[in-house]
Amino acid sequence: MVKKTTKKNASNMTPEQKIESGFKEIFEREKKKGTFGKSRCKTKVHESCGGAVYGLGLMGALIYYISTAAGFWNGCLGVLKALLWPGFLVFELLRFLGA
């Protein structure tokens, strides 16, 4: 069982000891509830889909920008554009909508 820190004890502790004490309290609380190590997020599908969509978009943008590059430096610029493709997409969408 973890001792609860009082204001008197907490003032004598170093910041590292305070953090460690806080983690121990959280660990014990989660262990009692039976929720230690369990995910609090109920929609794991959405977490993985965002990364997959971005990854597919990144690969597609890399292929497009590098294949249309006229030279080495245009290819380097294409790699940078491929990393930032969501920004270009939002910019063009807002420009199309007239916002």
PDB file of N, CA and C in Angstrom:
ATOM      1  N   MET A   1       0.838  -1.170   0.000  1.00  0.00           N
ATOM      2  CA  MET A   1       0.000   0.000   0.000  1.00  0.00           C
ATOM      3  C   MET A   1       0.888   1.241   0.000  1.00  0.00           C
ATOM      4  N   VAL A   2       0.527   2.210  -0.763  1.00  0.00           N
ATOM      5  CA  VAL A   2       1.316   3.426  -0.899  1.00  0.00           C
ATOM      6  C   VAL A   2       0.855   4.431   0.138  1.00  0.00           C
ATOM      7  N   LYS A   3       1.840   5.052   0.808  1.00  0.00           N
ATOM      8  CA  LYS A   3       1.502   6.080   1.781  1.00  0.00           C
ATOM      9  C   LYS A   3       1.025   7.320   1.050  1.00  0.00           C
ATOM     10  N   LYS A   4      -0.020   7.918   1.574  1.00  0.00           N
ATOM     11  CA  LYS A   4      -0.495   9.177   1.016  1.00  0.00           C
ATOM     12  C   LYS A   4       0.470  10.265   1.473  1.00  0.00           C
ATOM     13  N   THR A   5       0.849  11.128   0.555  1.00  0.00           N
ATOM     14  CA  THR A   5       1.771  12.192   0.918  1.00  0.00           C
ATOM     15  C   THR A   5       0.988  13.357   1.482  1.00  0.00           C
ATOM     16  N   THR A   6       1.440  13.844   2.587  1.00  0.00           N
ATOM     17  CA  THR A   6       0.814  15.027   3.175  1.00  0.00           C
ATOM     18  C   THR A   6       1.562  16.248   2.710  1.00  0.00           C
ATOM     19  N   LYS A   7       1.012  17.415   3.000  1.00  0.00           N
ATOM     20  CA  LYS A   7       1.680  18.634   2.572  1.00  0.00           C
ATOM     21  C   LYS A   7       3.054  18.755   3.214  1.00  0.00           C
ATOM     22  N   LYS A   8       3.176  18.295   4.436  1.00  0.00           N
ATOM     23  CA  LYS A   8       4.465  18.370   5.113  1.00  0.00           C
ATOM     24  C   LYS A   8       5.485  17.471   4.414  1.00  0.00           C
ATOM     25  N   ASN A   9       5.087  16.236   4.090  1.00  0.00           N
ATOM     26  CA  ASN A   9       5.993  15.315   3.415  1.00  0.00           C
ATOM     27  C   ASN A   9       6.276  15.762   1.989  1.00  0.00           C
ATOM     28  N   ALA A  10       5.264  16.294   1.310  1.00  0.00           N
ATOM     29  CA  ALA A  10       5.425  16.691  -0.089  1.00  0.00           C
ATOM     30  C   ALA A  10       6.386  17.861  -0.223  1.00  0.00           C
ATOM     31  N   SER A  11       6.424  18.730   0.765  1.00  0.00           N
ATOM     32  CA  SER A  11       7.314  19.882   0.661  1.00  0.00           C
ATOM     33  C   SER A  11       8.780  19.483   0.829  1.00  0.00           C
ATOM     34  N   ASN A  12       9.041  18.352   1.471  1.00  0.00           N
ATOM     35  CA  ASN A  12      10.412  17.890   1.664  1.00  0.00           C
ATOM     36  C   ASN A  12      10.895  17.012   0.517  1.00  0.00           C
ATOM     37  N   MET A  13      10.013  16.710  -0.433  1.00  0.00           N
ATOM     38  CA  MET A  13      10.367  15.801  -1.515  1.00  0.00           C
ATOM     39  C   MET A  13      10.945  16.572  -2.700  1.00  0.00           C
ATOM     40  N   THR A  14      11.834  15.896  -3.423  1.00  0.00           N
ATOM     41  CA  THR A  14      12.350  16.476  -4.657  1.00  0.00           C
ATOM     42  C   THR A  14      11.291  16.285  -5.743  1.00  0.00           C
ATOM     43  N   PRO A  15      11.376  17.038  -6.844  1.00  0.00           N
ATOM     44  CA  PRO A  15      10.390  16.862  -7.917  1.00  0.00           C
ATOM     45  C   PRO A  15      10.340  15.432  -8.453  1.00  0.00           C
ATOM     46  N   GLU A  16      11.495  14.764  -8.533  1.00  0.00           N
ATOM     47  CA  GLU A  16      11.515  13.386  -9.017  1.00  0.00           C
ATOM     48  C   GLU A  16      10.760  12.460  -8.075  1.00  0.00           C
ATOM     49  N   GLN A  17      10.921  12.694  -6.762  1.00  0.00           N
ATOM     50  CA  GLN A  17      10.225  11.866  -5.782  1.00  0.00           C
ATOM     51  C   GLN A  17       8.723  12.108  -5.839  1.00  0.00           C
ATOM     52  N   LYS A  18       8.316  13.359  -6.084  1.00  0.00           N
ATOM     53  CA  LYS A  18       6.890  13.669  -6.197  1.00  0.00           C
ATOM     54  C   LYS A  18       6.285  12.955  -7.400  1.00  0.00           C
ATOM     55  N   ILE A  19       7.000  12.961  -8.524  1.00  0.00           N
ATOM     56  CA  ILE A  19       6.503  12.301  -9.733  1.00  0.00           C
ATOM     57  C   ILE A  19       6.408  10.797  -9.501  1.00  0.00           C
ATOM     58  N   GLU A  20       7.451  10.220  -8.894  1.00  0.00           N
ATOM     59  CA  GLU A  20       7.446   8.787  -8.632  1.00  0.00           C
ATOM     60  C   GLU A  20       6.306   8.411  -7.696  1.00  0.00           C
ATOM     61  N   SER A  21       6.074   9.234  -6.687  1.00  0.00           N
ATOM     62  CA  SER A  21       4.989   8.979  -5.744  1.00  0.00           C
ATOM     63  C   SER A  21       3.639   9.044  -6.452  1.00  0.00           C
ATOM     64  N   GLY A  22       3.497  10.013  -7.349  1.00  0.00           N
ATOM     65  CA  GLY A  22       2.246  10.139  -8.102  1.00  0.00           C
ATOM     66  C   GLY A  22       1.999   8.933  -8.984  1.00  0.00           C
ATOM     67  N   PHE A  23       3.056   8.444  -9.664  1.00  0.00           N
ATOM     68  CA  PHE A  23       2.912   7.260 -10.510  1.00  0.00           C
ATOM     69  C   PHE A  23       2.548   6.036  -9.677  1.00  0.00           C
ATOM     70  N   LYS A  24       3.143   5.926  -8.497  1.00  0.00           N
ATOM     71  CA  LYS A  24       2.832   4.780  -7.638  1.00  0.00           C
ATOM     72  C   LYS A  24       1.369   4.816  -7.214  1.00  0.00           C
ATOM     73  N   GLU A  25       0.873   6.003  -6.880  1.00  0.00           N
ATOM     74  CA  GLU A  25      -0.531   6.130  -6.480  1.00  0.00           C
ATOM     75  C   GLU A  25      -1.461   5.751  -7.626  1.00  0.00           C
ATOM     76  N   ILE A  26      -1.147   6.221  -8.826  1.00  0.00           N
ATOM     77  CA  ILE A  26      -1.969   5.890  -9.991  1.00  0.00           C
ATOM     78  C   ILE A  26      -1.924   4.390 -10.262  1.00  0.00           C
ATOM     79  N   PHE A  27      -0.741   3.800 -10.173  1.00  0.00           N
ATOM     80  CA  PHE A  27      -0.583   2.364 -10.393  1.00  0.00           C
ATOM     81  C   PHE A  27      -1.435   1.569  -9.413  1.00  0.00           C
ATOM     82  N   GLU A  28      -1.373   1.931  -8.135  1.00  0.00           N
ATOM     83  CA  GLU A  28      -2.145   1.218  -7.118  1.00  0.00           C
ATOM     84  C   GLU A  28      -3.644   1.388  -7.343  1.00  0.00           C
ATOM     85  N   ARG A  29      -4.067   2.592  -7.701  1.00  0.00           N
ATOM     86  CA  ARG A  29      -5.485   2.856  -7.951  1.00  0.00           C
ATOM     87  C   ARG A  29      -5.977   2.022  -9.136  1.00  0.00           C
ATOM     88  N   GLU A  30      -5.208   1.986 -10.212  1.00  0.00           N
ATOM     89  CA  GLU A  30      -5.589   1.209 -11.400  1.00  0.00           C
ATOM     90  C   GLU A  30      -5.589  -0.287 -11.091  1.00  0.00           C
ATOM     91  N   LYS A  31      -4.649  -0.719 -10.279  1.00  0.00           N
ATOM     92  CA  LYS A  31      -4.555  -2.128  -9.922  1.00  0.00           C
ATOM     93  C   LYS A  31      -5.779  -2.556  -9.106  1.00  0.00           C
ATOM     94  N   LYS A  32      -6.222  -1.676  -8.183  1.00  0.00           N
ATOM     95  CA  LYS A  32      -7.400  -1.991  -7.374  1.00  0.00           C
ATOM     96  C   LYS A  32      -8.657  -2.077  -8.232  1.00  0.00           C
ATOM     97  N   LYS A  33      -8.774  -1.154  -9.198  1.00  0.00           N
ATOM     98  CA  LYS A  33      -9.953  -1.127 -10.067  1.00  0.00           C
ATOM     99  C   LYS A  33      -9.949  -2.278 -11.063  1.00  0.00           C
ATOM    100  N   GLY A  34      -8.779  -2.837 -11.317  1.00  0.00           N
ATOM    101  CA  GLY A  34      -8.666  -3.900 -12.304  1.00  0.00           C
ATOM    102  C   GLY A  34      -8.558  -3.368 -13.716  1.00  0.00           C
ATOM    103  N   THR A  35      -8.194  -2.100 -13.841  1.00  0.00           N
ATOM    104  CA  THR A  35      -8.100  -1.497 -15.170  1.00  0.00           C
ATOM    105  C   THR A  35      -6.661  -1.251 -15.596  1.00  0.00           C
ATOM    106  N   PHE A  36      -5.702  -1.749 -14.845  1.00  0.00           N
ATOM    107  CA  PHE A  36      -4.312  -1.492 -15.189  1.00  0.00           C
ATOM    108  C   PHE A  36      -3.953  -2.201 -16.489  1.00  0.00           C
ATOM    109  N   GLY A  37      -3.376  -1.453 -17.412  1.00  0.00           N
ATOM    110  CA  GLY A  37      -2.955  -2.012 -18.682  1.00  0.00           C
ATOM    111  C   GLY A  37      -4.052  -2.110 -19.720  1.00  0.00           C
ATOM    112  N   LYS A  38      -5.291  -1.770 -19.353  1.00  0.00           N
ATOM    113  CA  LYS A  38      -6.383  -1.830 -20.311  1.00  0.00           C
ATOM    114  C   LYS A  38      -6.533  -0.464 -20.973  1.00  0.00           C
ATOM    115  N   SER A  39      -6.861  -0.476 -22.245  1.00  0.00           N
ATOM    116  CA  SER A  39      -7.022   0.762 -22.994  1.00  0.00           C
ATOM    117  C   SER A  39      -8.307   1.466 -22.582  1.00  0.00           C
ATOM    118  N   ARG A  40      -8.248   2.763 -22.468  1.00  0.00           N
ATOM    119  CA  ARG A  40      -9.436   3.541 -22.139  1.00  0.00           C
ATOM    120  C   ARG A  40     -10.190   3.944 -23.395  1.00  0.00           C
ATOM    121  N   CYS A  41      -9.564   3.775 -24.538  1.00  0.00           N
ATOM    122  CA  CYS A  41     -10.168   4.157 -25.808  1.00  0.00           C
ATOM    123  C   CYS A  41     -11.006   3.003 -26.332  1.00  0.00           C
ATOM    124  N   LYS A  42     -12.262   3.278 -26.659  1.00  0.00           N
ATOM    125  CA  LYS A  42     -13.140   2.222 -27.132  1.00  0.00           C
ATOM    126  C   LYS A  42     -13.200   2.166 -28.648  1.00  0.00           C
ATOM    127  N   THR A  43     -12.580   3.127 -29.327  1.00  0.00           N
ATOM    128  CA  THR A  43     -12.638   3.160 -30.786  1.00  0.00           C
ATOM    129  C   THR A  43     -11.238   3.018 -31.357  1.00  0.00           C
ATOM    130  N   LYS A  44     -10.684   1.835 -31.255  1.00  0.00           N
ATOM    131  CA  LYS A  44      -9.338   1.590 -31.764  1.00  0.00           C
ATOM    132  C   LYS A  44      -9.296   1.609 -33.288  1.00  0.00           C
ATOM    133  N   VAL A  45     -10.416   1.354 -33.939  1.00  0.00           N
ATOM    134  CA  VAL A  45     -10.450   1.344 -35.396  1.00  0.00           C
ATOM    135  C   VAL A  45     -10.104   2.723 -35.929  1.00  0.00           C
ATOM    136  N   HIS A  46     -10.631   3.765 -35.310  1.00  0.00           N
ATOM    137  CA  HIS A  46     -10.388   5.119 -35.780  1.00  0.00           C
ATOM    138  C   HIS A  46      -8.936   5.534 -35.599  1.00  0.00           C
ATOM    139  N   GLU A  47      -8.286   5.053 -34.556  1.00  0.00           N
ATOM    140  CA  GLU A  47      -6.886   5.394 -34.330  1.00  0.00           C
ATOM    141  C   GLU A  47      -6.004   4.841 -35.446  1.00  0.00           C
ATOM    142  N   SER A  48      -6.238   3.608 -35.835  1.00  0.00           N
ATOM    143  CA  SER A  48      -5.390   3.000 -36.849  1.00  0.00           C
ATOM    144  C   SER A  48      -5.746   3.475 -38.250  1.00  0.00           C
ATOM    145  N   CYS A  49      -6.983   3.845 -38.499  1.00  0.00           N
ATOM    146  CA  CYS A  49      -7.391   4.277 -39.838  1.00  0.00           C
ATOM    147  C   CYS A  49      -6.744   5.605 -40.212  1.00  0.00           C
ATOM    148  N   GLY A  50      -6.602   6.512 -39.279  1.00  0.00           N
ATOM    149  CA  GLY A  50      -5.983   7.801 -39.593  1.00  0.00           C
ATOM    150  C   GLY A  50      -4.555   7.641 -40.057  1.00  0.00           C
ATOM    151  N   GLY A  51      -3.816   6.787 -39.401  1.00  0.00           N
ATOM    152  CA  GLY A  51      -2.437   6.546 -39.797  1.00  0.00           C
ATOM    153  C   GLY A  51      -2.342   5.835 -41.135  1.00  0.00           C
ATOM    154  N   ALA A  52      -3.283   4.932 -41.381  1.00  0.00           N
ATOM    155  CA  ALA A  52      -3.278   4.204 -42.647  1.00  0.00           C
ATOM    156  C   ALA A  52      -3.605   5.136 -43.806  1.00  0.00           C
ATOM    157  N   VAL A  53      -4.572   6.012 -43.614  1.00  0.00           N
ATOM    158  CA  VAL A  53      -4.946   6.948 -44.672  1.00  0.00           C
ATOM    159  C   VAL A  53      -3.789   7.896 -44.959  1.00  0.00           C
ATOM    160  N   TYR A  54      -3.168   8.412 -43.905  1.00  0.00           N
ATOM    161  CA  TYR A  54      -2.035   9.305 -44.102  1.00  0.00           C
ATOM    162  C   TYR A  54      -0.881   8.577 -44.789  1.00  0.00           C
ATOM    163  N   GLY A  55      -0.624   7.344 -44.386  1.00  0.00           N
ATOM    164  CA  GLY A  55       0.466   6.574 -44.987  1.00  0.00           C
ATOM    165  C   GLY A  55       0.236   6.297 -46.464  1.00  0.00           C
ATOM    166  N   LEU A  56      -0.997   5.911 -46.816  1.00  0.00           N
ATOM    167  CA  LEU A  56      -1.316   5.674 -48.229  1.00  0.00           C
ATOM    168  C   LEU A  56      -1.223   6.971 -49.021  1.00  0.00           C
ATOM    169  N   GLY A  57      -1.701   8.053 -48.419  1.00  0.00           N
ATOM    170  CA  GLY A  57      -1.598   9.346 -49.091  1.00  0.00           C
ATOM    171  C   GLY A  57      -0.158   9.771 -49.271  1.00  0.00           C
ATOM    172  N   LEU A  58       0.671   9.502 -48.283  1.00  0.00           N
ATOM    173  CA  LEU A  58       2.093   9.838 -48.367  1.00  0.00           C
ATOM    174  C   LEU A  58       2.762   9.063 -49.497  1.00  0.00           C
ATOM    175  N   MET A  59       2.491   7.766 -49.574  1.00  0.00           N
ATOM    176  CA  MET A  59       3.095   6.964 -50.648  1.00  0.00           C
ATOM    177  C   MET A  59       2.610   7.421 -52.024  1.00  0.00           C
ATOM    178  N   GLY A  60       1.319   7.685 -52.130  1.00  0.00           N
ATOM    179  CA  GLY A  60       0.788   8.157 -53.406  1.00  0.00           C
ATOM    180  C   GLY A  60       1.377   9.498 -53.810  1.00  0.00           C
ATOM    181  N   ALA A  61       1.499  10.407 -52.829  1.00  0.00           N
ATOM    182  CA  ALA A  61       2.072  11.720 -53.113  1.00  0.00           C
ATOM    183  C   ALA A  61       3.546  11.602 -53.488  1.00  0.00           C
ATOM    184  N   LEU A  62       4.288  10.722 -52.811  1.00  0.00           N
ATOM    185  CA  LEU A  62       5.700  10.513 -53.163  1.00  0.00           C
ATOM    186  C   LEU A  62       5.838  10.024 -54.599  1.00  0.00           C
ATOM    187  N   ILE A  63       5.019   9.045 -54.945  1.00  0.00           N
ATOM    188  CA  ILE A  63       5.089   8.512 -56.306  1.00  0.00           C
ATOM    189  C   ILE A  63       4.740   9.596 -57.322  1.00  0.00           C
ATOM    190  N   TYR A  64       3.682  10.356 -57.055  1.00  0.00           N
ATOM    191  CA  TYR A  64       3.262  11.388 -57.998  1.00  0.00           C
ATOM    192  C   TYR A  64       4.320  12.481 -58.150  1.00  0.00           C
ATOM    193  N   TYR A  65       4.751  13.055 -57.023  1.00  0.00           N
ATOM    194  CA  TYR A  65       5.681  14.187 -57.090  1.00  0.00           C
ATOM    195  C   TYR A  65       7.045  13.784 -57.648  1.00  0.00           C
ATOM    196  N   ILE A  66       7.536  12.606 -57.295  1.00  0.00           N
ATOM    197  CA  ILE A  66       8.846  12.184 -57.797  1.00  0.00           C
ATOM    198  C   ILE A  66       8.771  11.814 -59.283  1.00  0.00           C
ATOM    199  N   SER A  67       7.659  11.199 -59.702  1.00  0.00           N
ATOM    200  CA  SER A  67       7.543  10.820 -61.113  1.00  0.00           C
ATOM    201  C   SER A  67       7.383  12.030 -62.021  1.00  0.00           C
ATOM    202  N   THR A  68       6.841  13.133 -61.502  1.00  0.00           N
ATOM    203  CA  THR A  68       6.673  14.331 -62.329  1.00  0.00           C
ATOM    204  C   THR A  68       7.835  15.310 -62.186  1.00  0.00           C
ATOM    205  N   ALA A  69       8.822  14.971 -61.369  1.00  0.00           N
ATOM    206  CA  ALA A  69       9.958  15.874 -61.159  1.00  0.00           C
ATOM    207  C   ALA A  69      10.852  15.898 -62.397  1.00  0.00           C
ATOM    208  N   ALA A  70      11.290  17.129 -62.760  1.00  0.00           N
ATOM    209  CA  ALA A  70      12.145  17.288 -63.930  1.00  0.00           C
ATOM    210  C   ALA A  70      13.623  17.118 -63.591  1.00  0.00           C
ATOM    211  N   GLY A  71      13.978  17.275 -62.338  1.00  0.00           N
ATOM    212  CA  GLY A  71      15.376  17.166 -61.945  1.00  0.00           C
ATOM    213  C   GLY A  71      15.506  16.724 -60.498  1.00  0.00           C
ATOM    214  N   PHE A  72      16.746  16.687 -60.020  1.00  0.00           N
ATOM    215  CA  PHE A  72      17.023  16.226 -58.667  1.00  0.00           C
ATOM    216  C   PHE A  72      16.364  17.123 -57.619  1.00  0.00           C
ATOM    217  N   TRP A  73      16.534  18.437 -57.753  1.00  0.00           N
ATOM    218  CA  TRP A  73      15.999  19.354 -56.746  1.00  0.00           C
ATOM    219  C   TRP A  73      14.485  19.394 -56.780  1.00  0.00           C
ATOM    220  N   ASN A  74      13.891  19.210 -57.949  1.00  0.00           N
ATOM    221  CA  ASN A  74      12.434  19.105 -58.006  1.00  0.00           C
ATOM    222  C   ASN A  74      11.959  17.837 -57.300  1.00  0.00           C
ATOM    223  N   GLY A  75      12.751  16.775 -57.384  1.00  0.00           N
ATOM    224  CA  GLY A  75      12.435  15.550 -56.658  1.00  0.00           C
ATOM    225  C   GLY A  75      12.514  15.748 -55.156  1.00  0.00           C
ATOM    226  N   CYS A  76      13.535  16.495 -54.706  1.00  0.00           N
ATOM    227  CA  CYS A  76      13.651  16.807 -53.272  1.00  0.00           C
ATOM    228  C   CYS A  76      12.467  17.639 -52.801  1.00  0.00           C
ATOM    229  N   LEU A  77      12.068  18.604 -53.629  1.00  0.00           N
ATOM    230  CA  LEU A  77      10.892  19.411 -53.308  1.00  0.00           C
ATOM    231  C   LEU A  77       9.645  18.535 -53.292  1.00  0.00           C
ATOM    232  N   GLY A  78       9.597  17.542 -54.161  1.00  0.00           N
ATOM    233  CA  GLY A  78       8.476  16.604 -54.197  1.00  0.00           C
ATOM    234  C   GLY A  78       8.362  15.794 -52.916  1.00  0.00           C
ATOM    235  N   VAL A  79       9.493  15.394 -52.352  1.00  0.00           N
ATOM    236  CA  VAL A  79       9.479  14.657 -51.078  1.00  0.00           C
ATOM    237  C   VAL A  79       8.913  15.545 -49.979  1.00  0.00           C
ATOM    238  N   LEU A  80       9.325  16.806 -49.949  1.00  0.00           N
ATOM    239  CA  LEU A  80       8.801  17.749 -48.955  1.00  0.00           C
ATOM    240  C   LEU A  80       7.303  17.949 -49.146  1.00  0.00           C
ATOM    241  N   LYS A  81       6.875  18.106 -50.377  1.00  0.00           N
ATOM    242  CA  LYS A  81       5.443  18.265 -50.653  1.00  0.00           C
ATOM    243  C   LYS A  81       4.662  17.024 -50.240  1.00  0.00           C
ATOM    244  N   ALA A  82       5.247  15.848 -50.433  1.00  0.00           N
ATOM    245  CA  ALA A  82       4.571  14.604 -50.065  1.00  0.00           C
ATOM    246  C   ALA A  82       4.353  14.524 -48.561  1.00  0.00           C
ATOM    247  N   LEU A  83       5.292  15.044 -47.783  1.00  0.00           N
ATOM    248  CA  LEU A  83       5.129  15.038 -46.328  1.00  0.00           C
ATOM    249  C   LEU A  83       4.030  16.000 -45.889  1.00  0.00           C
ATOM    250  N   LEU A  84       3.824  17.046 -46.665  1.00  0.00           N
ATOM    251  CA  LEU A  84       2.868  18.087 -46.291  1.00  0.00           C
ATOM    252  C   LEU A  84       1.576  18.027 -47.089  1.00  0.00           C
ATOM    253  N   TRP A  85       1.273  16.894 -47.713  1.00  0.00           N
ATOM    254  CA  TRP A  85       0.120  16.816 -48.591  1.00  0.00           C
ATOM    255  C   TRP A  85      -1.205  17.140 -47.919  1.00  0.00           C
ATOM    256  N   PRO A  86      -1.429  16.850 -46.627  1.00  0.00           N
ATOM    257  CA  PRO A  86      -2.728  17.230 -46.048  1.00  0.00           C
ATOM    258  C   PRO A  86      -2.935  18.749 -46.046  1.00  0.00           C
ATOM    259  N   GLY A  87      -1.864  19.499 -45.836  1.00  0.00           N
ATOM    260  CA  GLY A  87      -1.978  20.955 -45.870  1.00  0.00           C
ATOM    261  C   GLY A  87      -2.362  21.466 -47.244  1.00  0.00           C
ATOM    262  N   PHE A  88      -1.745  20.881 -48.289  1.00  0.00           N
ATOM    263  CA  PHE A  88      -2.109  21.259 -49.654  1.00  0.00           C
ATOM    264  C   PHE A  88      -3.562  20.901 -49.944  1.00  0.00           C
ATOM    265  N   LEU A  89      -3.996  19.752 -49.464  1.00  0.00           N
ATOM    266  CA  LEU A  89      -5.368  19.310 -49.693  1.00  0.00           C
ATOM    267  C   LEU A  89      -6.363  20.274 -49.061  1.00  0.00           C
ATOM    268  N   VAL A  90      -6.137  20.646 -47.809  1.00  0.00           N
ATOM    269  CA  VAL A  90      -7.040  21.574 -47.123  1.00  0.00           C
ATOM    270  C   VAL A  90      -7.016  22.942 -47.798  1.00  0.00           C
ATOM    271  N   PHE A  91      -5.842  23.403 -48.203  1.00  0.00           N
ATOM    272  CA  PHE A  91      -5.724  24.697 -48.874  1.00  0.00           C
ATOM    273  C   PHE A  91      -6.539  24.711 -50.162  1.00  0.00           C
ATOM    274  N   GLU A  92      -6.374  23.684 -50.975  1.00  0.00           N
ATOM    275  CA  GLU A  92      -7.109  23.630 -52.242  1.00  0.00           C
ATOM    276  C   GLU A  92      -8.608  23.477 -52.019  1.00  0.00           C
ATOM    277  N   LEU A  93      -9.004  22.731 -50.996  1.00  0.00           N
ATOM    278  CA  LEU A  93     -10.418  22.568 -50.683  1.00  0.00           C
ATOM    279  C   LEU A  93     -11.036  23.896 -50.263  1.00  0.00           C
ATOM    280  N   LEU A  94     -10.353  24.626 -49.404  1.00  0.00           N
ATOM    281  CA  LEU A  94     -10.867  25.925 -48.980  1.00  0.00           C
ATOM    282  C   LEU A  94     -10.902  26.920 -50.130  1.00  0.00           C
ATOM    283  N   ARG A  95      -9.907  26.856 -51.008  1.00  0.00           N
ATOM    284  CA  ARG A  95      -9.899  27.740 -52.156  1.00  0.00           C
ATOM    285  C   ARG A  95     -11.053  27.400 -53.102  1.00  0.00           C
ATOM    286  N   PHE A  96     -11.338  26.108 -53.260  1.00  0.00           N
ATOM    287  CA  PHE A  96     -12.444  25.674 -54.102  1.00  0.00           C
ATOM    288  C   PHE A  96     -13.793  26.123 -53.526  1.00  0.00           C
ATOM    289  N   LEU A  97     -13.921  26.039 -52.190  1.00  0.00           N
ATOM    290  CA  LEU A  97     -15.177  26.431 -51.542  1.00  0.00           C
ATOM    291  C   LEU A  97     -15.335  27.941 -51.443  1.00  0.00           C
ATOM    292  N   GLY A  98     -14.279  28.675 -51.717  1.00  0.00           N
ATOM    293  CA  GLY A  98     -14.354  30.131 -51.673  1.00  0.00           C
ATOM    294  C   GLY A  98     -14.234  30.722 -50.279  1.00  0.00           C
ATOM    295  N   ALA A  99     -13.677  29.973 -49.370  1.00  0.00           N
ATOM    296  CA  ALA A  99     -13.559  30.464 -47.998  1.00  0.00           C
ATOM    297  C   ALA A  99     -12.343  31.354 -47.843  1.00  0.00           C
TER     298      ALA A  99
END
